[in-house]
Amino acid sequence: MKKVLLGLLVSGMLALAPEVKAQADAPAPIEYSERVPADGAGKTALYRRALDWTQNKFAYGPKSGMKADEGTGTVRVTGTSKVKRVDNKGKDQEVTVLFDFVFRANDNGYEYTVGSFRVVPDPKQPSQIITFDEYRTELRADKNNEKTHNERRLTAQTSSLASEAAMSFRSYMNSTPAEGHVGVAGGEH
């Protein structure tokens, strides 16, 4: 019985091996998205809270493309950050990364996405922007990628950036301002 189970286990692993290799060749786009139920909060209150975060707490500037629509409960903004690659001599080089934060509220909660990553590969040409996947393909094709590991390095940093922005937003949304009084009401001992 043990030999049969072991044989099936090994066969299954071998059958899945080609799929794993195919997935490694084409990395998934970097994105963080979440749907959050919010009982009783209301679409307008959620929208206003998200708008406040994007206007006052969004730490990825300069920000651009700010669009907000209270009627549909949507907020959208493009953020900017830096990631670091290394050159052939092992020195850090900053690369500008742009990404979109998109928020949608409804009567049952909200959903948000941190994604659509783009790269400004040459700081001297800030208008030249390519998708992160295109940039990752260029890094993978670089003859020094085996030494610098820039493809993996930038993928990890960008994934971390998406997660960090999402955690910041979710933390803000979860910290609802206190209403009413805290402690002993005036004059009572």
N, C-alpha and C. Protein backbone atom coordinates (compact mmCIF):
# COMPACT_ATOMS: atom_id res chain seq x y z
N MET A 1 0.82 -1.19 0.00
CA MET A 1 0.00 0.00 0.00
C MET A 1 0.87 1.26 0.00
N LYS A 2 1.94 1.25 0.81
CA LYS A 2 2.82 2.41 0.89
C LYS A 2 3.49 2.66 -0.46
N LYS A 3 3.87 1.58 -1.16
CA LYS A 3 4.54 1.73 -2.46
C LYS A 3 3.58 2.33 -3.49
N VAL A 4 2.32 1.96 -3.42
CA VAL A 4 1.33 2.49 -4.35
C VAL A 4 1.14 3.99 -4.11
N LEU A 5 1.00 4.38 -2.85
CA LEU A 5 0.83 5.79 -2.52
C LEU A 5 2.06 6.59 -2.91
N LEU A 6 3.25 6.06 -2.65
CA LEU A 6 4.48 6.74 -3.02
C LEU A 6 4.58 6.90 -4.53
N GLY A 7 4.20 5.85 -5.26
CA GLY A 7 4.22 5.92 -6.73
C GLY A 7 3.27 6.97 -7.26
N LEU A 8 2.08 7.05 -6.68
CA LEU A 8 1.12 8.06 -7.11
C LEU A 8 1.62 9.46 -6.79
N LEU A 9 2.22 9.64 -5.63
CA LEU A 9 2.75 10.93 -5.23
C LEU A 9 3.85 11.39 -6.18
N VAL A 10 4.78 10.51 -6.49
CA VAL A 10 5.87 10.85 -7.42
C VAL A 10 5.33 11.14 -8.80
N SER A 11 4.36 10.33 -9.26
CA SER A 11 3.76 10.57 -10.59
C SER A 11 3.09 11.93 -10.65
N GLY A 12 2.38 12.27 -9.60
CA GLY A 12 1.72 13.57 -9.56
C GLY A 12 2.70 14.72 -9.59
N MET A 13 3.79 14.59 -8.86
CA MET A 13 4.81 15.65 -8.84
C MET A 13 5.45 15.80 -10.21
N LEU A 14 5.73 14.68 -10.88
CA LEU A 14 6.32 14.75 -12.21
C LEU A 14 5.35 15.35 -13.23
N ALA A 15 4.08 15.04 -13.07
CA ALA A 15 3.08 15.59 -13.99
C ALA A 15 2.96 17.10 -13.85
N LEU A 16 3.16 17.62 -12.65
CA LEU A 16 3.05 19.06 -12.42
C LEU A 16 4.34 19.81 -12.73
N ALA A 17 5.45 19.15 -12.83
CA ALA A 17 6.74 19.82 -13.04
C ALA A 17 6.77 20.71 -14.28
N PRO A 18 6.28 20.28 -15.45
CA PRO A 18 6.31 21.18 -16.61
C PRO A 18 5.49 22.46 -16.39
N GLU A 19 4.37 22.37 -15.65
CA GLU A 19 3.58 23.56 -15.37
C GLU A 19 4.36 24.55 -14.52
N VAL A 20 5.07 24.08 -13.55
CA VAL A 20 5.84 24.95 -12.68
C VAL A 20 6.90 25.68 -13.47
N LYS A 21 7.58 25.00 -14.39
CA LYS A 21 8.59 25.65 -15.20
C LYS A 21 7.95 26.71 -16.09
N ALA A 22 6.80 26.41 -16.67
CA ALA A 22 6.13 27.38 -17.54
C ALA A 22 5.74 28.63 -16.75
N GLN A 23 5.31 28.47 -15.52
CA GLN A 23 4.95 29.62 -14.72
C GLN A 23 6.18 30.44 -14.36
N ALA A 24 7.31 29.81 -14.16
CA ALA A 24 8.53 30.53 -13.80
C ALA A 24 9.02 31.38 -14.96
N ASP A 25 8.74 30.96 -16.19
CA ASP A 25 9.19 31.72 -17.36
C ASP A 25 8.40 33.02 -17.55
N ALA A 26 7.17 33.04 -17.15
CA ALA A 26 6.33 34.22 -17.32
C ALA A 26 5.78 34.64 -15.96
N PRO A 27 6.51 35.50 -15.24
CA PRO A 27 6.05 35.89 -13.91
C PRO A 27 4.74 36.66 -13.98
N ALA A 28 3.95 36.46 -12.96
CA ALA A 28 2.65 37.13 -12.89
C ALA A 28 2.84 38.62 -12.66
N PRO A 29 1.88 39.42 -13.16
CA PRO A 29 1.97 40.86 -12.90
C PRO A 29 1.88 41.13 -11.40
N ILE A 30 2.52 42.20 -10.98
CA ILE A 30 2.52 42.55 -9.57
C ILE A 30 1.29 43.39 -9.28
N GLU A 31 0.51 42.93 -8.32
CA GLU A 31 -0.71 43.63 -7.95
C GLU A 31 -1.15 43.16 -6.57
N TYR A 32 -1.75 44.07 -5.84
CA TYR A 32 -2.36 43.71 -4.56
C TYR A 32 -3.78 44.21 -4.63
N SER A 33 -4.75 43.33 -4.45
CA SER A 33 -6.14 43.77 -4.45
C SER A 33 -6.89 43.02 -3.37
N GLU A 34 -7.94 43.67 -2.89
CA GLU A 34 -8.70 43.09 -1.78
C GLU A 34 -10.13 43.62 -1.80
N ARG A 35 -11.06 42.76 -1.43
CA ARG A 35 -12.44 43.15 -1.19
C ARG A 35 -12.69 43.08 0.30
N VAL A 36 -13.26 44.14 0.83
CA VAL A 36 -13.46 44.23 2.28
C VAL A 36 -14.93 44.49 2.58
N PRO A 37 -15.58 43.57 3.27
CA PRO A 37 -16.97 43.84 3.68
C PRO A 37 -16.97 44.86 4.80
N ALA A 38 -17.93 45.76 4.77
CA ALA A 38 -18.03 46.79 5.80
C ALA A 38 -19.49 46.98 6.15
N ASP A 39 -19.92 46.28 7.16
CA ASP A 39 -21.32 46.34 7.58
C ASP A 39 -21.67 47.71 8.14
N GLY A 40 -22.70 48.30 7.56
CA GLY A 40 -23.24 49.53 8.10
C GLY A 40 -22.42 50.80 7.90
N ALA A 41 -21.26 50.73 7.28
CA ALA A 41 -20.43 51.92 7.13
C ALA A 41 -21.02 52.88 6.10
N GLY A 42 -21.59 52.37 5.04
CA GLY A 42 -22.17 53.22 4.01
C GLY A 42 -21.16 53.62 2.95
N LYS A 43 -21.63 53.64 1.73
CA LYS A 43 -20.80 53.94 0.58
C LYS A 43 -20.15 55.32 0.68
N THR A 44 -20.91 56.32 1.06
CA THR A 44 -20.39 57.69 1.13
C THR A 44 -19.31 57.82 2.20
N ALA A 45 -19.53 57.22 3.36
CA ALA A 45 -18.53 57.29 4.43
C ALA A 45 -17.24 56.60 4.03
N LEU A 46 -17.35 55.45 3.37
CA LEU A 46 -16.16 54.73 2.92
C LEU A 46 -15.41 55.54 1.86
N TYR A 47 -16.16 56.12 0.92
CA TYR A 47 -15.56 56.95 -0.12
C TYR A 47 -14.80 58.12 0.51
N ARG A 48 -15.42 58.81 1.45
CA ARG A 48 -14.77 59.98 2.07
C ARG A 48 -13.51 59.59 2.83
N ARG A 49 -13.56 58.44 3.48
CA ARG A 49 -12.39 57.96 4.22
C ARG A 49 -11.24 57.66 3.24
N ALA A 50 -11.55 57.00 2.13
CA ALA A 50 -10.52 56.68 1.13
C ALA A 50 -9.99 57.96 0.49
N LEU A 51 -10.86 58.91 0.23
CA LEU A 51 -10.45 60.19 -0.35
C LEU A 51 -9.51 60.92 0.60
N ASP A 52 -9.83 60.91 1.89
CA ASP A 52 -8.97 61.54 2.89
C ASP A 52 -7.59 60.89 2.90
N TRP A 53 -7.54 59.56 2.80
CA TRP A 53 -6.25 58.87 2.80
C TRP A 53 -5.42 59.27 1.57
N THR A 54 -6.06 59.29 0.40
CA THR A 54 -5.31 59.63 -0.81
C THR A 54 -4.85 61.08 -0.82
N GLN A 55 -5.64 61.97 -0.22
CA GLN A 55 -5.26 63.37 -0.20
C GLN A 55 -4.25 63.71 0.90
N ASN A 56 -4.35 63.04 2.05
CA ASN A 56 -3.54 63.45 3.21
C ASN A 56 -2.54 62.42 3.71
N LYS A 57 -2.72 61.17 3.41
CA LYS A 57 -1.85 60.13 3.97
C LYS A 57 -1.10 59.33 2.91
N PHE A 58 -1.40 59.52 1.65
CA PHE A 58 -0.77 58.78 0.56
C PHE A 58 0.69 59.21 0.46
N ALA A 59 1.60 58.33 0.81
CA ALA A 59 3.01 58.68 0.98
C ALA A 59 3.86 58.46 -0.27
N TYR A 60 3.24 58.25 -1.41
CA TYR A 60 4.00 57.88 -2.61
C TYR A 60 3.93 59.01 -3.64
N GLY A 61 4.68 60.04 -3.37
CA GLY A 61 4.63 61.23 -4.23
C GLY A 61 5.90 61.44 -4.98
N PRO A 62 5.85 62.25 -5.99
CA PRO A 62 4.69 63.05 -6.35
C PRO A 62 3.56 62.18 -6.90
N LYS A 63 2.34 62.53 -6.49
CA LYS A 63 1.19 61.80 -7.00
C LYS A 63 0.59 62.58 -8.16
N SER A 64 -0.09 61.86 -9.02
CA SER A 64 -0.69 62.50 -10.19
C SER A 64 -1.98 61.76 -10.55
N GLY A 65 -2.71 62.32 -11.50
CA GLY A 65 -3.90 61.67 -12.02
C GLY A 65 -4.99 61.44 -11.00
N MET A 66 -5.08 62.30 -10.00
CA MET A 66 -6.09 62.13 -8.96
C MET A 66 -7.48 62.32 -9.55
N LYS A 67 -8.32 61.30 -9.39
CA LYS A 67 -9.71 61.36 -9.84
C LYS A 67 -10.58 60.81 -8.73
N ALA A 68 -11.59 61.53 -8.37
CA ALA A 68 -12.51 61.10 -7.34
C ALA A 68 -13.93 61.41 -7.78
N ASP A 69 -14.84 60.46 -7.55
CA ASP A 69 -16.23 60.63 -7.93
C ASP A 69 -17.11 60.07 -6.81
N GLU A 70 -17.71 60.97 -6.05
CA GLU A 70 -18.52 60.55 -4.91
C GLU A 70 -19.74 59.75 -5.35
N GLY A 71 -20.29 60.09 -6.50
CA GLY A 71 -21.48 59.38 -6.99
C GLY A 71 -21.24 57.89 -7.22
N THR A 72 -20.09 57.57 -7.77
CA THR A 72 -19.77 56.16 -8.00
C THR A 72 -18.93 55.56 -6.87
N GLY A 73 -18.47 56.41 -5.96
CA GLY A 73 -17.68 55.92 -4.83
C GLY A 73 -16.28 55.50 -5.22
N THR A 74 -15.71 56.13 -6.25
CA THR A 74 -14.39 55.73 -6.73
C THR A 74 -13.34 56.81 -6.49
N VAL A 75 -12.14 56.34 -6.21
CA VAL A 75 -10.98 57.21 -6.06
C VAL A 75 -9.84 56.54 -6.81
N ARG A 76 -9.08 57.34 -7.54
CA ARG A 76 -7.94 56.81 -8.29
C ARG A 76 -6.81 57.81 -8.21
N VAL A 77 -5.59 57.31 -7.99
CA VAL A 77 -4.42 58.18 -7.96
C VAL A 77 -3.21 57.37 -8.42
N THR A 78 -2.27 58.05 -9.06
CA THR A 78 -1.02 57.42 -9.46
C THR A 78 0.07 57.87 -8.49
N GLY A 79 0.77 56.90 -7.94
CA GLY A 79 1.85 57.17 -7.00
C GLY A 79 3.20 56.95 -7.63
N THR A 80 4.22 57.48 -6.99
CA THR A 80 5.60 57.37 -7.47
C THR A 80 6.47 56.83 -6.35
N SER A 81 7.40 55.98 -6.70
CA SER A 81 8.36 55.47 -5.72
C SER A 81 9.66 55.15 -6.44
N LYS A 82 10.64 54.72 -5.68
CA LYS A 82 11.94 54.35 -6.24
C LYS A 82 12.26 52.91 -5.84
N VAL A 83 12.88 52.19 -6.75
CA VAL A 83 13.45 50.88 -6.46
C VAL A 83 14.90 50.94 -6.89
N LYS A 84 15.69 50.00 -6.41
CA LYS A 84 17.12 50.04 -6.73
C LYS A 84 17.57 48.79 -7.44
N ARG A 85 18.26 49.00 -8.54
CA ARG A 85 18.95 47.93 -9.25
C ARG A 85 20.43 48.15 -9.05
N VAL A 86 21.24 47.20 -9.41
CA VAL A 86 22.69 47.37 -9.31
C VAL A 86 23.30 47.34 -10.71
N ASP A 87 24.34 48.16 -10.87
CA ASP A 87 25.04 48.14 -12.15
C ASP A 87 26.08 47.02 -12.13
N ASN A 88 26.85 46.92 -13.19
CA ASN A 88 27.84 45.84 -13.31
C ASN A 88 28.95 45.94 -12.27
N LYS A 89 29.11 47.12 -11.66
CA LYS A 89 30.15 47.31 -10.64
C LYS A 89 29.59 47.13 -9.23
N GLY A 90 28.31 46.78 -9.12
CA GLY A 90 27.69 46.55 -7.82
C GLY A 90 27.17 47.79 -7.13
N LYS A 91 27.09 48.92 -7.85
CA LYS A 91 26.58 50.16 -7.25
C LYS A 91 25.09 50.28 -7.51
N ASP A 92 24.40 50.81 -6.48
CA ASP A 92 22.95 50.99 -6.60
C ASP A 92 22.60 52.08 -7.60
N GLN A 93 21.55 51.83 -8.36
CA GLN A 93 20.99 52.81 -9.28
C GLN A 93 19.49 52.88 -9.03
N GLU A 94 18.98 54.06 -8.73
CA GLU A 94 17.55 54.21 -8.49
C GLU A 94 16.79 54.21 -9.80
N VAL A 95 15.63 53.57 -9.76
CA VAL A 95 14.73 53.52 -10.90
C VAL A 95 13.36 53.98 -10.40
N THR A 96 12.74 54.90 -11.13
CA THR A 96 11.43 55.42 -10.75
C THR A 96 10.34 54.45 -11.18
N VAL A 97 9.42 54.18 -10.25
CA VAL A 97 8.30 53.29 -10.50
C VAL A 97 7.01 54.05 -10.26
N LEU A 98 6.07 53.93 -11.17
CA LEU A 98 4.75 54.51 -11.04
C LEU A 98 3.74 53.39 -10.85
N PHE A 99 2.70 53.65 -10.07
CA PHE A 99 1.66 52.64 -9.88
C PHE A 99 0.33 53.33 -9.62
N ASP A 100 -0.75 52.60 -9.82
CA ASP A 100 -2.09 53.14 -9.61
C ASP A 100 -2.71 52.55 -8.35
N PHE A 101 -3.36 53.41 -7.59
CA PHE A 101 -4.20 53.00 -6.48
C PHE A 101 -5.63 53.28 -6.92
N VAL A 102 -6.47 52.25 -6.91
CA VAL A 102 -7.85 52.39 -7.35
C VAL A 102 -8.76 51.87 -6.23
N PHE A 103 -9.74 52.68 -5.85
CA PHE A 103 -10.67 52.35 -4.77
C PHE A 103 -12.09 52.44 -5.29
N ARG A 104 -12.94 51.47 -4.90
CA ARG A 104 -14.36 51.50 -5.24
C ARG A 104 -15.17 51.11 -4.01
N ALA A 105 -16.09 51.96 -3.62
CA ALA A 105 -16.98 51.67 -2.48
C ALA A 105 -18.35 51.29 -3.01
N ASN A 106 -19.02 50.44 -2.23
CA ASN A 106 -20.42 50.13 -2.51
C ASN A 106 -21.13 50.01 -1.17
N ASP A 107 -22.39 49.67 -1.20
CA ASP A 107 -23.18 49.62 0.05
C ASP A 107 -22.75 48.49 0.98
N ASN A 108 -22.05 47.50 0.45
CA ASN A 108 -21.65 46.34 1.26
C ASN A 108 -20.19 46.39 1.70
N GLY A 109 -19.43 47.36 1.26
CA GLY A 109 -18.01 47.44 1.60
C GLY A 109 -17.23 48.16 0.53
N TYR A 110 -16.00 47.71 0.32
CA TYR A 110 -15.16 48.37 -0.68
C TYR A 110 -14.13 47.38 -1.22
N GLU A 111 -13.56 47.76 -2.33
CA GLU A 111 -12.45 47.01 -2.90
C GLU A 111 -11.40 48.00 -3.36
N TYR A 112 -10.17 47.57 -3.33
CA TYR A 112 -9.09 48.44 -3.78
C TYR A 112 -8.00 47.60 -4.42
N THR A 113 -7.22 48.27 -5.26
CA THR A 113 -6.14 47.62 -5.98
C THR A 113 -4.94 48.54 -5.99
N VAL A 114 -3.78 47.96 -5.77
CA VAL A 114 -2.50 48.64 -5.96
C VAL A 114 -1.84 47.86 -7.09
N GLY A 115 -1.68 48.47 -8.25
CA GLY A 115 -1.16 47.74 -9.40
C GLY A 115 -0.83 48.64 -10.56
N SER A 116 -0.84 48.06 -11.76
CA SER A 116 -0.49 48.77 -13.00
C SER A 116 0.88 49.44 -12.88
N PHE A 117 1.87 48.66 -12.47
CA PHE A 117 3.21 49.21 -12.28
C PHE A 117 3.87 49.53 -13.61
N ARG A 118 4.50 50.70 -13.64
CA ARG A 118 5.25 51.16 -14.80
C ARG A 118 6.60 51.67 -14.33
N VAL A 119 7.54 51.72 -15.26
CA VAL A 119 8.92 52.10 -14.93
C VAL A 119 9.38 53.21 -15.84
N VAL A 120 10.15 54.14 -15.27
CA VAL A 120 10.85 55.17 -16.05
C VAL A 120 12.30 54.67 -16.11
N PRO A 121 12.68 53.96 -17.17
CA PRO A 121 13.99 53.32 -17.20
C PRO A 121 15.17 54.30 -17.25
N ASP A 122 14.96 55.46 -17.84
CA ASP A 122 16.05 56.44 -17.97
C ASP A 122 15.62 57.74 -17.30
N PRO A 123 16.27 58.12 -16.19
CA PRO A 123 15.87 59.34 -15.49
C PRO A 123 16.03 60.61 -16.33
N LYS A 124 16.84 60.54 -17.37
CA LYS A 124 17.03 61.70 -18.26
C LYS A 124 15.86 61.85 -19.23
N GLN A 125 15.03 60.81 -19.35
CA GLN A 125 13.87 60.85 -20.23
C GLN A 125 12.63 60.44 -19.43
N PRO A 126 12.15 61.32 -18.54
CA PRO A 126 11.04 60.94 -17.66
C PRO A 126 9.72 60.68 -18.38
N SER A 127 9.60 61.12 -19.62
CA SER A 127 8.35 60.87 -20.34
C SER A 127 8.33 59.47 -20.97
N GLN A 128 9.48 58.82 -21.02
CA GLN A 128 9.54 57.46 -21.56
C GLN A 128 9.19 56.48 -20.43
N ILE A 129 8.01 55.87 -20.55
CA ILE A 129 7.50 54.98 -19.51
C ILE A 129 7.14 53.64 -20.16
N ILE A 130 7.56 52.55 -19.52
CA ILE A 130 7.22 51.22 -20.02
C ILE A 130 6.58 50.42 -18.87
N THR A 131 5.87 49.37 -19.22
CA THR A 131 5.26 48.55 -18.18
C THR A 131 6.35 47.82 -17.40
N PHE A 132 6.03 47.47 -16.18
CA PHE A 132 6.99 46.76 -15.36
C PHE A 132 7.35 45.42 -15.98
N ASP A 133 6.38 44.76 -16.59
CA ASP A 133 6.65 43.46 -17.23
C ASP A 133 7.64 43.61 -18.38
N GLU A 134 7.50 44.68 -19.18
CA GLU A 134 8.47 44.92 -20.26
C GLU A 134 9.87 45.14 -19.69
N TYR A 135 9.93 45.92 -18.62
CA TYR A 135 11.22 46.21 -18.00
C TYR A 135 11.84 44.94 -17.42
N ARG A 136 11.01 44.12 -16.81
CA ARG A 136 11.49 42.87 -16.25
C ARG A 136 12.02 41.96 -17.35
N THR A 137 11.38 41.97 -18.51
CA THR A 137 11.86 41.17 -19.65
C THR A 137 13.21 41.68 -20.13
N GLU A 138 13.38 43.01 -20.17
CA GLU A 138 14.68 43.59 -20.55
C GLU A 138 15.76 43.19 -19.56
N LEU A 139 15.44 43.23 -18.28
CA LEU A 139 16.42 42.85 -17.26
C LEU A 139 16.80 41.37 -17.39
N ARG A 140 15.82 40.53 -17.65
CA ARG A 140 16.06 39.10 -17.80
C ARG A 140 16.98 38.83 -19.00
N ALA A 141 16.85 39.64 -20.06
CA ALA A 141 17.66 39.45 -21.26
C ALA A 141 19.07 40.01 -21.12
N ASP A 142 19.29 40.85 -20.11
CA ASP A 142 20.62 41.44 -19.91
C ASP A 142 21.64 40.35 -19.62
N LYS A 143 22.80 40.44 -20.27
CA LYS A 143 23.82 39.39 -20.12
C LYS A 143 24.37 39.32 -18.69
N ASN A 144 24.25 40.37 -17.93
CA ASN A 144 24.77 40.38 -16.56
C ASN A 144 23.72 40.04 -15.51
N ASN A 145 22.54 39.64 -15.93
CA ASN A 145 21.47 39.35 -14.98
C ASN A 145 21.83 38.20 -14.03
N GLU A 146 22.61 37.25 -14.52
CA GLU A 146 23.05 36.15 -13.65
C GLU A 146 23.89 36.66 -12.50
N LYS A 147 24.62 37.74 -12.74
CA LYS A 147 25.48 38.32 -11.70
C LYS A 147 24.72 39.33 -10.83
N THR A 148 23.92 40.17 -11.45
CA THR A 148 23.26 41.25 -10.71
C THR A 148 21.92 40.83 -10.10
N HIS A 149 21.24 39.85 -10.71
CA HIS A 149 19.91 39.41 -10.27
C HIS A 149 18.92 40.57 -10.21
N ASN A 150 19.07 41.54 -11.12
CA ASN A 150 18.20 42.72 -11.11
C ASN A 150 16.74 42.37 -11.33
N GLU A 151 16.47 41.37 -12.14
CA GLU A 151 15.09 40.99 -12.39
C GLU A 151 14.41 40.57 -11.09
N ARG A 152 15.04 39.70 -10.34
CA ARG A 152 14.47 39.26 -9.06
C ARG A 152 14.49 40.37 -8.03
N ARG A 153 15.54 41.14 -8.01
CA ARG A 153 15.70 42.24 -7.05
C ARG A 153 14.56 43.24 -7.21
N LEU A 154 14.31 43.70 -8.44
CA LEU A 154 13.26 44.69 -8.67
C LEU A 154 11.86 44.11 -8.51
N THR A 155 11.69 42.85 -8.85
CA THR A 155 10.40 42.20 -8.64
C THR A 155 10.08 42.15 -7.15
N ALA A 156 11.05 41.79 -6.33
CA ALA A 156 10.85 41.73 -4.89
C ALA A 156 10.55 43.11 -4.31
N GLN A 157 11.29 44.12 -4.74
CA GLN A 157 11.07 45.48 -4.23
C GLN A 157 9.71 46.02 -4.63
N THR A 158 9.30 45.74 -5.85
CA THR A 158 8.01 46.22 -6.35
C THR A 158 6.87 45.49 -5.65
N SER A 159 7.02 44.20 -5.42
CA SER A 159 6.01 43.44 -4.67
C SER A 159 5.88 43.99 -3.26
N SER A 160 7.00 44.31 -2.66
CA SER A 160 7.01 44.88 -1.32
C SER A 160 6.31 46.24 -1.30
N LEU A 161 6.55 47.04 -2.32
CA LEU A 161 5.91 48.35 -2.44
C LEU A 161 4.39 48.21 -2.53
N ALA A 162 3.92 47.27 -3.34
CA ALA A 162 2.47 47.04 -3.47
C ALA A 162 1.87 46.64 -2.13
N SER A 163 2.54 45.75 -1.44
CA SER A 163 2.06 45.28 -0.14
C SER A 163 2.08 46.41 0.90
N GLU A 164 3.14 47.20 0.90
CA GLU A 164 3.27 48.32 1.84
C GLU A 164 2.16 49.35 1.65
N ALA A 165 1.90 49.72 0.39
CA ALA A 165 0.84 50.69 0.11
C ALA A 165 -0.52 50.14 0.53
N ALA A 166 -0.76 48.86 0.24
CA ALA A 166 -2.03 48.24 0.61
C ALA A 166 -2.19 48.18 2.13
N MET A 167 -1.14 47.83 2.84
CA MET A 167 -1.22 47.76 4.31
C MET A 167 -1.45 49.14 4.91
N SER A 168 -0.82 50.15 4.35
CA SER A 168 -1.02 51.51 4.84
C SER A 168 -2.48 51.92 4.68
N PHE A 169 -3.03 51.65 3.51
CA PHE A 169 -4.43 52.00 3.25
C PHE A 169 -5.37 51.22 4.16
N ARG A 170 -5.17 49.92 4.24
CA ARG A 170 -6.07 49.09 5.04
C ARG A 170 -6.00 49.47 6.52
N SER A 171 -4.81 49.77 7.00
CA SER A 171 -4.64 50.20 8.38
C SER A 171 -5.43 51.50 8.63
N TYR A 172 -5.33 52.43 7.69
CA TYR A 172 -6.06 53.69 7.82
C TYR A 172 -7.57 53.45 7.82
N MET A 173 -8.04 52.60 6.91
CA MET A 173 -9.47 52.34 6.82
C MET A 173 -9.98 51.62 8.08
N ASN A 174 -9.14 50.82 8.70
CA ASN A 174 -9.55 50.08 9.90
C ASN A 174 -9.53 50.94 11.16
N SER A 175 -8.83 52.06 11.11
CA SER A 175 -8.74 52.91 12.30
C SER A 175 -9.78 54.01 12.22
N THR A 176 -11.03 53.63 12.40
CA THR A 176 -12.11 54.60 12.31
C THR A 176 -12.02 55.58 13.46
N PRO A 177 -12.25 56.84 13.18
CA PRO A 177 -12.19 57.83 14.26
C PRO A 177 -13.21 57.52 15.35
N ALA A 178 -12.82 57.75 16.59
CA ALA A 178 -13.72 57.50 17.73
C ALA A 178 -14.83 58.53 17.74
N GLU A 179 -16.02 58.07 18.05
CA GLU A 179 -17.16 58.98 18.17
C GLU A 179 -17.60 59.00 19.63
N GLY A 180 -18.10 60.13 20.09
CA GLY A 180 -18.58 60.23 21.45
C GLY A 180 -17.47 60.53 22.42
N HIS A 181 -17.68 60.19 23.66
CA HIS A 181 -16.73 60.51 24.72
C HIS A 181 -16.02 59.26 25.20
N VAL A 182 -14.81 59.43 25.61
CA VAL A 182 -14.03 58.33 26.17
C VAL A 182 -13.74 58.70 27.62
N GLY A 183 -13.97 57.79 28.53
CA GLY A 183 -13.69 58.06 29.93
C GLY A 183 -14.94 58.48 30.68
N VAL A 184 -14.75 59.14 31.81
CA VAL A 184 -15.84 59.55 32.69
C VAL A 184 -16.51 60.80 32.12
N ALA A 185 -17.82 60.80 32.10
CA ALA A 185 -18.56 61.97 31.62
C ALA A 185 -18.31 63.14 32.57
N GLY A 186 -18.36 64.36 32.05
CA GLY A 186 -18.02 65.57 32.81
C GLY A 186 -18.62 65.66 34.19
N GLY A 187 -17.81 65.80 35.23
CA GLY A 187 -18.25 66.07 36.58
C GLY A 187 -18.55 64.85 37.42
N GLU A 188 -18.71 63.67 36.85
CA GLU A 188 -19.03 62.49 37.64
C GLU A 188 -17.76 61.90 38.24
N HIS A 189 -17.83 61.49 39.50
CA HIS A 189 -16.66 60.89 40.18
C HIS A 189 -17.01 59.55 40.72
